[in-house]
Amino acid sequence: MKQNLHYSDYEKLGDALDRALKNALQSPSCTEPQLIANIVWHLPAQINKLSLSSGYTIKSGGVFVHSQPFVKFNKPPNLSSVSVELGDLLFIRTGLRNKTVIDRRAMIFQAKKNIDLPTIPDNHNQHYLYAQWPKFEYVRSTAKLNGKKRHIVGLDIYNAAKYLLIGQKYYCSRDILYSPCCSSWHPCLSYGQYILTAQPSQPSLSYYRCFFIEMMEFILGDAGKFFNASPPGRTRGWDRVIDDLVTVTSHRVSKFINRASSNTSNTRGQGLCFLKGDSPAMSMLAFHNISCDIMNNNNDGPPVTLDRWPQDTDEPGGISIVEFIVEEENVSRG
């Protein structure tokens, strides 16, 4: 369900995304996990300030988890490394019309920092996973998921599982594709760091796009891959994987917060209060009880990631998530 906002609301959304990325990327020296934490924090913070005039509302919540689920598969290109991360960042989008769910979409990103473009990823197993999507098995991903097998199919997966490339040089998709750049905001030239998405083609990545435009189209319902929030019990495809990722994150968050120490920030979420009142049928994070109780109201910035993150041998999995809920009410359809 693609939303067609009034131009003034489109500009407001663009300005909010622009501010979020500028805030998230203002320090080029940040580590990759810190940049993801910044994005998870600043996106909902800016989205939830929006006041649209054309019958639409957009709400957002985010939760940061440092460790990711890992998977393994048969015949990897590099036999010396058995398991790889499934992803660093998950976007979820629910489209509503008058309180009724019309569709759901998801995108998953594997983040890489400071690489020259165009590029061939240095982790060949991870690249093979995203390019070919062989049958895989969870490892180091909570007792509930370890040993579970999954298989994602469909050509549209390449619009929903991408690399997120962040670097200190000034790159623009226009420079790589010889095509017009994103929009009047020119985000990939204005943050001090480039931030682009790319499809995991082989041997090198392709279809570089500004992350700004990727987010804009995802929020408006024109990017990502559809998913069913309540997949049938024995399914093993995309729907089940998205359910896996949200479930394992909810477990990781609750356990992490219970064990938080004085040298570890316990601020793992942003904007979650905006989702707390939603029906579980609408918000995936609310359904999995990721709510305001993980917030630290005395902290007005993203969580600080550590060089050596505490290991939790019982529940090592989890993925950072940003959820968007886009609702239209009484919108004229001419």
C-alpha atoms as a PDB file:
ATOM      1  CA  MET A   1       0.000   0.000   0.000  1.00  0.00           C
ATOM      2  CA  LYS A   2       1.885   3.051  -1.226  1.00  0.00           C
ATOM      3  CA  GLN A   3       0.999   6.339   0.433  1.00  0.00           C
ATOM      4  CA  ASN A   4       0.875   9.518  -1.621  1.00  0.00           C
ATOM      5  CA  LEU A   5       1.489  12.358   0.784  1.00  0.00           C
ATOM      6  CA  HIS A   6       0.712  15.976   0.083  1.00  0.00           C
ATOM      7  CA  TYR A   7       3.869  17.731  -1.073  1.00  0.00           C
ATOM      8  CA  SER A   8       4.148  19.713   2.159  1.00  0.00           C
ATOM      9  CA  ASP A   9       3.989  16.479   4.194  1.00  0.00           C
ATOM     10  CA  TYR A  10       6.504  14.841   1.885  1.00  0.00           C
ATOM     11  CA  GLU A  11       8.862  17.718   2.626  1.00  0.00           C
ATOM     12  CA  LYS A  12       8.272  17.368   6.371  1.00  0.00           C
ATOM     13  CA  LEU A  13       9.099  13.660   6.224  1.00  0.00           C
ATOM     14  CA  GLY A  14      12.211  14.360   4.159  1.00  0.00           C
ATOM     15  CA  ASP A  15      13.389  17.013   6.591  1.00  0.00           C
ATOM     16  CA  ALA A  16      12.872  14.612   9.526  1.00  0.00           C
ATOM     17  CA  LEU A  17      14.921  11.884   7.838  1.00  0.00           C
ATOM     18  CA  ASP A  18      17.585  14.406   6.898  1.00  0.00           C
ATOM     19  CA  ARG A  19      17.920  15.620  10.505  1.00  0.00           C
ATOM     20  CA  ALA A  20      18.021  12.042  11.796  1.00  0.00           C
ATOM     21  CA  LEU A  21      20.884  11.071   9.489  1.00  0.00           C
ATOM     22  CA  LYS A  22      22.841  14.254  10.169  1.00  0.00           C
ATOM     23  CA  ASN A  23      22.599  13.590  13.909  1.00  0.00           C
ATOM     24  CA  ALA A  24      23.452   9.900  13.524  1.00  0.00           C
ATOM     25  CA  LEU A  25      26.484  10.419  11.273  1.00  0.00           C
ATOM     26  CA  GLN A  26      28.012  13.562  12.748  1.00  0.00           C
ATOM     27  CA  SER A  27      31.082  11.732  14.108  1.00  0.00           C
ATOM     28  CA  PRO A  28      33.052   9.859  11.403  1.00  0.00           C
ATOM     29  CA  SER A  29      35.167   8.115  14.048  1.00  0.00           C
ATOM     30  CA  CYS A  30      32.202   6.156  15.439  1.00  0.00           C
ATOM     31  CA  THR A  31      32.396   2.395  15.259  1.00  0.00           C
ATOM     32  CA  GLU A  32      29.942   0.475  13.098  1.00  0.00           C
ATOM     33  CA  PRO A  33      27.822  -0.653  16.104  1.00  0.00           C
ATOM     34  CA  GLN A  34      27.725   2.928  17.401  1.00  0.00           C
ATOM     35  CA  LEU A  35      26.500   4.217  14.044  1.00  0.00           C
ATOM     36  CA  ILE A  36      23.712   1.627  14.050  1.00  0.00           C
ATOM     37  CA  ALA A  37      22.811   2.654  17.615  1.00  0.00           C
ATOM     38  CA  ASN A  38      22.741   6.295  16.506  1.00  0.00           C
ATOM     39  CA  ILE A  39      20.411   5.503  13.595  1.00  0.00           C
ATOM     40  CA  VAL A  40      18.086   3.463  15.823  1.00  0.00           C
ATOM     41  CA  TRP A  41      17.929   6.349  18.289  1.00  0.00           C
ATOM     42  CA  HIS A  42      17.625   9.375  16.004  1.00  0.00           C
ATOM     43  CA  LEU A  43      15.172   8.002  13.417  1.00  0.00           C
ATOM     44  CA  PRO A  44      12.219   7.511  15.833  1.00  0.00           C
ATOM     45  CA  ALA A  45      13.144  10.714  17.684  1.00  0.00           C
ATOM     46  CA  GLN A  46      12.655  12.754  14.514  1.00  0.00           C
ATOM     47  CA  ILE A  47       9.757  10.773  13.033  1.00  0.00           C
ATOM     48  CA  ASN A  48       7.686  11.130  16.203  1.00  0.00           C
ATOM     49  CA  LYS A  49       7.919  14.916  16.014  1.00  0.00           C
ATOM     50  CA  LEU A  50       6.062  14.919  12.696  1.00  0.00           C
ATOM     51  CA  SER A  51       2.635  16.502  12.428  1.00  0.00           C
ATOM     52  CA  LEU A  52       1.185  15.767   9.003  1.00  0.00           C
ATOM     53  CA  SER A  53      -1.777  17.573   7.511  1.00  0.00           C
ATOM     54  CA  SER A  54      -3.169  15.195   4.887  1.00  0.00           C
ATOM     55  CA  GLY A  55      -4.854  12.528   7.009  1.00  0.00           C
ATOM     56  CA  TYR A  56      -1.736  10.472   7.666  1.00  0.00           C
ATOM     57  CA  THR A  57       0.167   9.740  10.860  1.00  0.00           C
ATOM     58  CA  ILE A  58       3.597   8.147  11.135  1.00  0.00           C
ATOM     59  CA  LYS A  59       4.900   6.715  14.405  1.00  0.00           C
ATOM     60  CA  SER A  60       8.174   4.968  15.072  1.00  0.00           C
ATOM     61  CA  GLY A  61      10.005   3.012  17.746  1.00  0.00           C
ATOM     62  CA  GLY A  62      13.459   1.515  17.831  1.00  0.00           C
ATOM     63  CA  VAL A  63      15.475  -0.895  19.929  1.00  0.00           C
ATOM     64  CA  PHE A  64      19.253  -1.400  19.781  1.00  0.00           C
ATOM     65  CA  VAL A  65      20.845  -4.787  20.428  1.00  0.00           C
ATOM     66  CA  HIS A  66      24.572  -5.176  19.871  1.00  0.00           C
ATOM     67  CA  SER A  67      24.859  -8.893  19.085  1.00  0.00           C
ATOM     68  CA  GLN A  68      23.258 -10.345  15.980  1.00  0.00           C
ATOM     69  CA  PRO A  69      21.859 -13.809  15.227  1.00  0.00           C
ATOM     70  CA  PHE A  70      24.386 -15.980  13.420  1.00  0.00           C
ATOM     71  CA  VAL A  71      23.717 -18.614  10.777  1.00  0.00           C
ATOM     72  CA  LYS A  72      25.645 -21.302   8.948  1.00  0.00           C
ATOM     73  CA  PHE A  73      25.053 -23.089   5.641  1.00  0.00           C
ATOM     74  CA  ASN A  74      26.555 -25.863   3.546  1.00  0.00           C
ATOM     75  CA  LYS A  75      29.527 -25.309   1.233  1.00  0.00           C
ATOM     76  CA  PRO A  76      30.447 -21.739   2.180  1.00  0.00           C
ATOM     77  CA  PRO A  77      33.079 -20.070  -0.042  1.00  0.00           C
ATOM     78  CA  ASN A  78      35.390 -19.627   2.954  1.00  0.00           C
ATOM     79  CA  LEU A  79      35.704 -22.845   4.940  1.00  0.00           C
ATOM     80  CA  SER A  80      37.749 -21.203   7.699  1.00  0.00           C
ATOM     81  CA  SER A  81      34.747 -19.183   8.942  1.00  0.00           C
ATOM     82  CA  VAL A  82      31.685 -21.291   9.633  1.00  0.00           C
ATOM     83  CA  SER A  83      29.023 -18.813  10.811  1.00  0.00           C
ATOM     84  CA  VAL A  84      28.071 -15.280   9.735  1.00  0.00           C
ATOM     85  CA  GLU A  85      25.775 -12.548  10.980  1.00  0.00           C
ATOM     86  CA  LEU A  86      22.273 -12.587   9.546  1.00  0.00           C
ATOM     87  CA  GLY A  87      22.101  -8.803   9.707  1.00  0.00           C
ATOM     88  CA  ASP A  88      22.731  -5.635  11.703  1.00  0.00           C
ATOM     89  CA  LEU A  89      19.532  -3.635  11.280  1.00  0.00           C
ATOM     90  CA  LEU A  90      15.911  -4.564  10.597  1.00  0.00           C
ATOM     91  CA  PHE A  91      13.251  -2.143   9.372  1.00  0.00           C
ATOM     92  CA  ILE A  92       9.604  -3.083   9.895  1.00  0.00           C
ATOM     93  CA  ARG A  93       6.730  -1.130   8.382  1.00  0.00           C
ATOM     94  CA  THR A  94       3.010  -1.579   9.038  1.00  0.00           C
ATOM     95  CA  GLY A  95       0.475   0.185   6.823  1.00  0.00           C
ATOM     96  CA  LEU A  96      -2.919   0.911   8.382  1.00  0.00           C
ATOM     97  CA  ARG A  97      -6.179   2.307   7.096  1.00  0.00           C
ATOM     98  CA  ASN A  98      -8.656   3.375   9.755  1.00  0.00           C
ATOM     99  CA  LYS A  99      -7.042   1.080  12.386  1.00  0.00           C
ATOM    100  CA  THR A 100      -7.009  -1.928  10.032  1.00  0.00           C
ATOM    101  CA  VAL A 101      -3.707  -3.490   8.914  1.00  0.00           C
ATOM    102  CA  ILE A 102      -3.425  -3.331   5.137  1.00  0.00           C
ATOM    103  CA  ASP A 103       0.109  -4.618   4.679  1.00  0.00           C
ATOM    104  CA  ARG A 104       3.463  -5.201   6.367  1.00  0.00           C
ATOM    105  CA  ARG A 105       6.943  -4.890   4.919  1.00  0.00           C
ATOM    106  CA  ALA A 106      10.452  -5.539   6.151  1.00  0.00           C
ATOM    107  CA  MET A 107      14.029  -4.764   5.106  1.00  0.00           C
ATOM    108  CA  ILE A 108      17.200  -6.166   6.617  1.00  0.00           C
ATOM    109  CA  PHE A 109      20.614  -4.532   6.298  1.00  0.00           C
ATOM    110  CA  GLN A 110      24.171  -5.749   6.716  1.00  0.00           C
ATOM    111  CA  ALA A 111      26.278  -2.715   7.651  1.00  0.00           C
ATOM    112  CA  LYS A 112      29.833  -2.107   6.425  1.00  0.00           C
ATOM    113  CA  LYS A 113      32.002   0.904   7.184  1.00  0.00           C
ATOM    114  CA  ASN A 114      34.836   2.635   5.340  1.00  0.00           C
ATOM    115  CA  ILE A 115      35.086   0.730   2.094  1.00  0.00           C
ATOM    116  CA  ASP A 116      35.836   2.030  -1.396  1.00  0.00           C
ATOM    117  CA  LEU A 117      33.064   1.962  -3.962  1.00  0.00           C
ATOM    118  CA  PRO A 118      32.150   0.053  -5.993  1.00  0.00           C
ATOM    119  CA  THR A 119      33.127  -2.863  -3.811  1.00  0.00           C
ATOM    120  CA  ILE A 120      33.352  -6.596  -3.297  1.00  0.00           C
ATOM    121  CA  PRO A 121      32.650  -7.400   0.387  1.00  0.00           C
ATOM    122  CA  ASP A 122      35.582  -8.928   2.252  1.00  0.00           C
ATOM    123  CA  ASN A 123      33.380 -11.457   4.076  1.00  0.00           C
ATOM    124  CA  HIS A 124      32.719 -13.868   1.220  1.00  0.00           C
ATOM    125  CA  ASN A 125      30.401 -16.119   3.230  1.00  0.00           C
ATOM    126  CA  GLN A 126      28.187 -13.231   4.231  1.00  0.00           C
ATOM    127  CA  HIS A 127      28.142 -11.990   0.648  1.00  0.00           C
ATOM    128  CA  TYR A 128      27.212 -15.462  -0.599  1.00  0.00           C
ATOM    129  CA  LEU A 129      24.380 -15.678   1.944  1.00  0.00           C
ATOM    130  CA  TYR A 130      22.831 -12.395   0.766  1.00  0.00           C
ATOM    131  CA  ALA A 131      23.416 -13.117  -2.924  1.00  0.00           C
ATOM    132  CA  GLN A 132      22.230 -16.750  -3.046  1.00  0.00           C
ATOM    133  CA  TRP A 133      20.152 -17.325   0.107  1.00  0.00           C
ATOM    134  CA  PRO A 134      20.948 -21.020   0.536  1.00  0.00           C
ATOM    135  CA  LYS A 135      19.190 -23.022   3.229  1.00  0.00           C
ATOM    136  CA  PHE A 136      20.699 -21.932   6.534  1.00  0.00           C
ATOM    137  CA  GLU A 137      20.687 -22.927  10.180  1.00  0.00           C
ATOM    138  CA  TYR A 138      20.724 -20.663  13.242  1.00  0.00           C
ATOM    139  CA  VAL A 139      23.741 -20.888  15.549  1.00  0.00           C
ATOM    140  CA  ARG A 140      24.551 -18.707  18.590  1.00  0.00           C
ATOM    141  CA  SER A 141      21.025 -17.333  18.303  1.00  0.00           C
ATOM    142  CA  THR A 142      19.260 -18.324  21.565  1.00  0.00           C
ATOM    143  CA  ALA A 143      18.260 -21.798  22.682  1.00  0.00           C
ATOM    144  CA  LYS A 144      14.902 -21.375  20.964  1.00  0.00           C
ATOM    145  CA  LEU A 145      16.406 -20.760  17.518  1.00  0.00           C
ATOM    146  CA  ASN A 146      19.669 -22.714  17.556  1.00  0.00           C
ATOM    147  CA  GLY A 147      19.444 -25.615  15.109  1.00  0.00           C
ATOM    148  CA  LYS A 148      16.341 -24.250  13.337  1.00  0.00           C
ATOM    149  CA  LYS A 149      16.594 -24.292   9.549  1.00  0.00           C
ATOM    150  CA  ARG A 150      15.274 -21.600   7.225  1.00  0.00           C
ATOM    151  CA  HIS A 151      15.108 -21.052   3.460  1.00  0.00           C
ATOM    152  CA  ILE A 152      14.251 -17.688   1.877  1.00  0.00           C
ATOM    153  CA  VAL A 153      13.180 -17.713  -1.774  1.00  0.00           C
ATOM    154  CA  GLY A 154      11.865 -15.193  -4.295  1.00  0.00           C
ATOM    155  CA  LEU A 155      13.518 -12.609  -6.540  1.00  0.00           C
ATOM    156  CA  ASP A 156      12.058  -9.758  -4.486  1.00  0.00           C
ATOM    157  CA  ILE A 157      14.419 -10.652  -1.637  1.00  0.00           C
ATOM    158  CA  TYR A 158      17.042  -8.447  -3.331  1.00  0.00           C
ATOM    159  CA  ASN A 159      14.842  -5.430  -2.629  1.00  0.00           C
ATOM    160  CA  ALA A 160      14.634  -6.370   1.048  1.00  0.00           C
ATOM    161  CA  ALA A 161      18.058  -7.706   2.087  1.00  0.00           C
ATOM    162  CA  LYS A 162      20.807  -5.226   1.292  1.00  0.00           C
ATOM    163  CA  TYR A 163      24.166  -3.905   2.331  1.00  0.00           C
ATOM    164  CA  LEU A 164      24.264  -0.600   4.217  1.00  0.00           C
ATOM    165  CA  LEU A 165      27.514   1.159   3.342  1.00  0.00           C
ATOM    166  CA  ILE A 166      28.820   3.963   5.558  1.00  0.00           C
ATOM    167  CA  GLY A 167      32.081   5.790   4.944  1.00  0.00           C
ATOM    168  CA  GLN A 168      34.053   8.967   5.337  1.00  0.00           C
ATOM    169  CA  LYS A 169      34.600   9.758   1.670  1.00  0.00           C
ATOM    170  CA  TYR A 170      32.078  11.733  -0.340  1.00  0.00           C
ATOM    171  CA  TYR A 171      30.309   9.316  -2.607  1.00  0.00           C
ATOM    172  CA  CYS A 172      26.984   9.788  -4.309  1.00  0.00           C
ATOM    173  CA  SER A 173      24.840   7.296  -6.157  1.00  0.00           C
ATOM    174  CA  ARG A 174      25.021   9.732  -9.071  1.00  0.00           C
ATOM    175  CA  ASP A 175      28.793   9.211  -9.235  1.00  0.00           C
ATOM    176  CA  ILE A 176      28.405   5.432  -9.345  1.00  0.00           C
ATOM    177  CA  LEU A 177      25.343   5.020 -11.561  1.00  0.00           C
ATOM    178  CA  TYR A 178      25.584   8.198 -13.679  1.00  0.00           C
ATOM    179  CA  SER A 179      21.976   8.924 -12.842  1.00  0.00           C
ATOM    180  CA  PRO A 180      20.227  11.826 -11.068  1.00  0.00           C
ATOM    181  CA  CYS A 181      20.881  11.978  -7.348  1.00  0.00           C
ATOM    182  CA  CYS A 182      18.273  11.373  -4.712  1.00  0.00           C
ATOM    183  CA  SER A 183      16.414  14.650  -4.287  1.00  0.00           C
ATOM    184  CA  SER A 184      16.765  18.308  -3.429  1.00  0.00           C
ATOM    185  CA  TRP A 185      18.154  17.280  -0.018  1.00  0.00           C
ATOM    186  CA  HIS A 186      21.263  15.630  -1.573  1.00  0.00           C
ATOM    187  CA  PRO A 187      21.823  13.677   1.632  1.00  0.00           C
ATOM    188  CA  CYS A 188      24.689  11.541   0.414  1.00  0.00           C
ATOM    189  CA  LEU A 189      26.741  14.699  -0.086  1.00  0.00           C
ATOM    190  CA  SER A 190      25.864  16.554   3.098  1.00  0.00           C
ATOM    191  CA  TYR A 191      26.536  14.387   6.153  1.00  0.00           C
ATOM    192  CA  GLY A 192      30.317  14.238   6.205  1.00  0.00           C
ATOM    193  CA  GLN A 193      29.942  10.515   5.537  1.00  0.00           C
ATOM    194  CA  TYR A 194      28.262   8.727   2.666  1.00  0.00           C
ATOM    195  CA  ILE A 195      25.502   6.269   3.519  1.00  0.00           C
ATOM    196  CA  LEU A 196      24.221   4.101   0.693  1.00  0.00           C
ATOM    197  CA  THR A 197      22.454   0.804   0.193  1.00  0.00           C
ATOM    198  CA  ALA A 198      23.490  -1.790  -2.364  1.00  0.00           C
ATOM    199  CA  GLN A 199      22.125  -5.048  -3.685  1.00  0.00           C
ATOM    200  CA  PRO A 200      24.308  -8.126  -3.003  1.00  0.00           C
ATOM    201  CA  SER A 201      25.036  -9.039  -6.616  1.00  0.00           C
ATOM    202  CA  GLN A 202      28.177 -11.010  -7.433  1.00  0.00           C
ATOM    203  CA  PRO A 203      31.057 -10.551  -7.843  1.00  0.00           C
ATOM    204  CA  SER A 204      30.611  -6.905  -6.767  1.00  0.00           C
ATOM    205  CA  LEU A 205      27.695  -5.054  -5.201  1.00  0.00           C
ATOM    206  CA  SER A 206      25.383  -3.034  -7.441  1.00  0.00           C
ATOM    207  CA  TYR A 207      22.310  -0.761  -7.515  1.00  0.00           C
ATOM    208  CA  TYR A 208      23.772   1.742  -5.069  1.00  0.00           C
ATOM    209  CA  ARG A 209      21.108   4.024  -3.639  1.00  0.00           C
ATOM    210  CA  CYS A 210      21.041   6.779  -1.043  1.00  0.00           C
ATOM    211  CA  PHE A 211      19.865   5.416   2.278  1.00  0.00           C
ATOM    212  CA  PHE A 212      17.747   8.559   2.593  1.00  0.00           C
ATOM    213  CA  ILE A 213      15.658   7.625  -0.445  1.00  0.00           C
ATOM    214  CA  GLU A 214      15.558   3.965   0.597  1.00  0.00           C
ATOM    215  CA  MET A 215      14.016   5.022   3.913  1.00  0.00           C
ATOM    216  CA  MET A 216      11.605   7.443   2.281  1.00  0.00           C
ATOM    217  CA  GLU A 217      10.274   4.801  -0.098  1.00  0.00           C
ATOM    218  CA  PHE A 218      10.127   2.163   2.623  1.00  0.00           C
ATOM    219  CA  ILE A 219       8.075   4.382   4.935  1.00  0.00           C
ATOM    220  CA  LEU A 220       5.729   5.278   2.063  1.00  0.00           C
ATOM    221  CA  GLY A 221       5.205   1.602   1.211  1.00  0.00           C
ATOM    222  CA  ASP A 222       7.242   1.348  -1.985  1.00  0.00           C
ATOM    223  CA  ALA A 223      10.260  -0.676  -0.836  1.00  0.00           C
ATOM    224  CA  GLY A 224      11.005  -3.808   1.135  1.00  0.00           C
ATOM    225  CA  LYS A 225       9.318  -7.216   1.042  1.00  0.00           C
ATOM    226  CA  PHE A 226       5.857  -8.134   2.293  1.00  0.00           C
ATOM    227  CA  PHE A 227       5.618 -10.417   5.309  1.00  0.00           C
ATOM    228  CA  ASN A 228       2.929 -12.156   7.329  1.00  0.00           C
ATOM    229  CA  ALA A 229       3.177 -11.267  11.023  1.00  0.00           C
ATOM    230  CA  SER A 230       1.619 -14.605  12.046  1.00  0.00           C
ATOM    231  CA  PRO A 231       3.253 -17.200   9.802  1.00  0.00           C
ATOM    232  CA  PRO A 232       1.887 -20.757   9.832  1.00  0.00           C
ATOM    233  CA  GLY A 233       3.671 -23.013  12.287  1.00  0.00           C
ATOM    234  CA  ARG A 234       5.827 -25.078   9.916  1.00  0.00           C
ATOM    235  CA  THR A 235       6.899 -22.325   7.503  1.00  0.00           C
ATOM    236  CA  ARG A 236      10.629 -21.645   7.090  1.00  0.00           C
ATOM    237  CA  GLY A 237      10.753 -18.688   4.681  1.00  0.00           C
ATOM    238  CA  TRP A 238      10.861 -14.881   4.864  1.00  0.00           C
ATOM    239  CA  ASP A 239       7.799 -14.549   7.120  1.00  0.00           C
ATOM    240  CA  ARG A 240       9.286 -16.940   9.656  1.00  0.00           C
ATOM    241  CA  VAL A 241      12.710 -15.250   9.582  1.00  0.00           C
ATOM    242  CA  ILE A 242      11.205 -11.830  10.364  1.00  0.00           C
ATOM    243  CA  ASP A 243       9.247 -13.385  13.228  1.00  0.00           C
ATOM    244  CA  ASP A 244      12.469 -15.034  14.443  1.00  0.00           C
ATOM    245  CA  LEU A 245      14.347 -11.738  14.469  1.00  0.00           C
ATOM    246  CA  VAL A 246      11.727  -9.807  16.406  1.00  0.00           C
ATOM    247  CA  THR A 247      11.271 -12.657  18.877  1.00  0.00           C
ATOM    248  CA  VAL A 248      14.966 -13.095  19.606  1.00  0.00           C
ATOM    249  CA  THR A 249      15.435  -9.340  19.996  1.00  0.00           C
ATOM    250  CA  SER A 250      12.631  -9.142  22.548  1.00  0.00           C
ATOM    251  CA  HIS A 251      14.284 -11.926  24.567  1.00  0.00           C
ATOM    252  CA  ARG A 252      17.713 -10.334  24.300  1.00  0.00           C
ATOM    253  CA  VAL A 253      16.433  -6.910  25.382  1.00  0.00           C
ATOM    254  CA  SER A 254      14.636  -8.175  28.470  1.00  0.00           C
ATOM    255  CA  LYS A 255      17.597 -10.255  29.606  1.00  0.00           C
ATOM    256  CA  PHE A 256      20.119  -7.517  28.878  1.00  0.00           C
ATOM    257  CA  ILE A 257      18.205  -4.917  30.846  1.00  0.00           C
ATOM    258  CA  ASN A 258      17.857  -7.198  33.843  1.00  0.00           C
ATOM    259  CA  ARG A 259      21.646  -7.621  33.919  1.00  0.00           C
ATOM    260  CA  ALA A 260      22.657  -4.043  33.089  1.00  0.00           C
ATOM    261  CA  SER A 261      25.691  -2.831  35.000  1.00  0.00           C
ATOM    262  CA  SER A 262      27.008   0.582  35.933  1.00  0.00           C
ATOM    263  CA  ASN A 263      29.418   0.669  32.994  1.00  0.00           C
ATOM    264  CA  THR A 264      26.826  -0.306  30.398  1.00  0.00           C
ATOM    265  CA  SER A 265      24.120   2.050  29.202  1.00  0.00           C
ATOM    266  CA  ASN A 266      20.657   0.629  29.847  1.00  0.00           C
ATOM    267  CA  THR A 267      19.083   2.852  27.232  1.00  0.00           C
ATOM    268  CA  ARG A 268      18.261   0.428  24.446  1.00  0.00           C
ATOM    269  CA  GLY A 269      15.131   1.987  22.980  1.00  0.00           C
ATOM    270  CA  GLN A 270      13.710   5.167  21.488  1.00  0.00           C
ATOM    271  CA  GLY A 271      10.151   6.186  20.702  1.00  0.00           C
ATOM    272  CA  LEU A 272       8.695   2.994  22.124  1.00  0.00           C
ATOM    273  CA  CYS A 273       6.127   4.898  24.204  1.00  0.00           C
ATOM    274  CA  PHE A 274       4.581   5.989  20.919  1.00  0.00           C
ATOM    275  CA  LEU A 275       3.825   2.333  20.152  1.00  0.00           C
ATOM    276  CA  LYS A 276       2.767   1.204  23.619  1.00  0.00           C
ATOM    277  CA  GLY A 277      -0.908   2.050  23.157  1.00  0.00           C
ATOM    278  CA  ASP A 278      -1.185   0.271  19.827  1.00  0.00           C
ATOM    279  CA  SER A 279      -3.000  -2.980  19.490  1.00  0.00           C
ATOM    280  CA  PRO A 280      -0.559  -5.913  19.345  1.00  0.00           C
ATOM    281  CA  ALA A 281      -2.081  -6.679  15.958  1.00  0.00           C
ATOM    282  CA  MET A 282      -0.618  -3.386  14.703  1.00  0.00           C
ATOM    283  CA  SER A 283       2.820  -2.998  16.292  1.00  0.00           C
ATOM    284  CA  MET A 284       5.304  -5.875  16.096  1.00  0.00           C
ATOM    285  CA  LEU A 285       7.379  -4.418  18.945  1.00  0.00           C
ATOM    286  CA  ALA A 286       4.295  -4.008  21.137  1.00  0.00           C
ATOM    287  CA  PHE A 287       3.254  -7.576  20.343  1.00  0.00           C
ATOM    288  CA  HIS A 288       6.587  -8.832  21.632  1.00  0.00           C
ATOM    289  CA  ASN A 289       6.385  -6.614  24.726  1.00  0.00           C
ATOM    290  CA  ILE A 290       9.270  -4.354  23.716  1.00  0.00           C
ATOM    291  CA  SER A 291       7.852  -1.245  25.329  1.00  0.00           C
ATOM    292  CA  CYS A 292       8.605   1.841  27.398  1.00  0.00           C
ATOM    293  CA  ASP A 293       9.986  -0.068  30.364  1.00  0.00           C
ATOM    294  CA  ILE A 294      13.359  -0.485  28.629  1.00  0.00           C
ATOM    295  CA  MET A 295      13.805   3.268  28.301  1.00  0.00           C
ATOM    296  CA  ASN A 296      16.013   5.405  30.499  1.00  0.00           C
ATOM    297  CA  ASN A 297      14.286   8.775  30.593  1.00  0.00           C
ATOM    298  CA  ASN A 298      17.367  10.483  32.029  1.00  0.00           C
ATOM    299  CA  ASN A 299      19.361   9.778  28.880  1.00  0.00           C
ATOM    300  CA  ASP A 300      18.640  11.939  25.844  1.00  0.00           C
ATOM    301  CA  GLY A 301      21.034  10.269  23.426  1.00  0.00           C
ATOM    302  CA  PRO A 302      21.758   6.916  21.816  1.00  0.00           C
ATOM    303  CA  PRO A 303      23.310   4.109  23.873  1.00  0.00           C
ATOM    304  CA  VAL A 304      27.091   4.070  23.990  1.00  0.00           C
ATOM    305  CA  THR A 305      28.487   0.874  22.545  1.00  0.00           C
ATOM    306  CA  LEU A 306      31.541  -0.760  24.062  1.00  0.00           C
ATOM    307  CA  ASP A 307      34.724  -2.051  22.441  1.00  0.00           C
ATOM    308  CA  ARG A 308      34.295  -5.272  24.399  1.00  0.00           C
ATOM    309  CA  TRP A 309      30.607  -6.011  24.812  1.00  0.00           C
ATOM    310  CA  PRO A 310      29.491  -8.221  27.712  1.00  0.00           C
ATOM    311  CA  GLN A 311      28.767 -11.718  26.466  1.00  0.00           C
ATOM    312  CA  ASP A 312      25.579 -13.494  27.453  1.00  0.00           C
ATOM    313  CA  THR A 313      26.088 -17.177  26.825  1.00  0.00           C
ATOM    314  CA  ASP A 314      22.409 -17.992  27.297  1.00  0.00           C
ATOM    315  CA  GLU A 315      20.956 -15.433  24.895  1.00  0.00           C
ATOM    316  CA  PRO A 316      23.632 -14.163  22.496  1.00  0.00           C
ATOM    317  CA  GLY A 317      21.276 -13.207  19.668  1.00  0.00           C
ATOM    318  CA  GLY A 318      19.318 -10.140  18.675  1.00  0.00           C
ATOM    319  CA  ILE A 319      19.086  -7.521  15.951  1.00  0.00           C
ATOM    320  CA  SER A 320      18.548  -3.776  16.086  1.00  0.00           C
ATOM    321  CA  ILE A 321      15.044  -2.864  14.903  1.00  0.00           C
ATOM    322  CA  VAL A 322      13.293   0.306  13.788  1.00  0.00           C
ATOM    323  CA  GLU A 323       9.534   0.020  13.333  1.00  0.00           C
ATOM    324  CA  PHE A 324       7.343   2.458  11.420  1.00  0.00           C
ATOM    325  CA  ILE A 325       3.550   2.529  11.691  1.00  0.00           C
ATOM    326  CA  VAL A 326       1.925   4.525   8.895  1.00  0.00           C
ATOM    327  CA  GLU A 327      -1.799   5.133   9.131  1.00  0.00           C
ATOM    328  CA  GLU A 328      -4.238   6.916   6.886  1.00  0.00           C
ATOM    329  CA  GLU A 329      -7.608   8.094   8.118  1.00  0.00           C
ATOM    330  CA  ASN A 330     -10.355   9.675   6.031  1.00  0.00           C
ATOM    331  CA  VAL A 331      -8.024  10.253   3.098  1.00  0.00           C
ATOM    332  CA  SER A 332      -9.796  11.247  -0.081  1.00  0.00           C
ATOM    333  CA  ARG A 333      -9.105   8.763  -2.884  1.00  0.00           C
ATOM    334  CA  GLY A 334     -10.668  10.731  -5.737  1.00  0.00           C
END
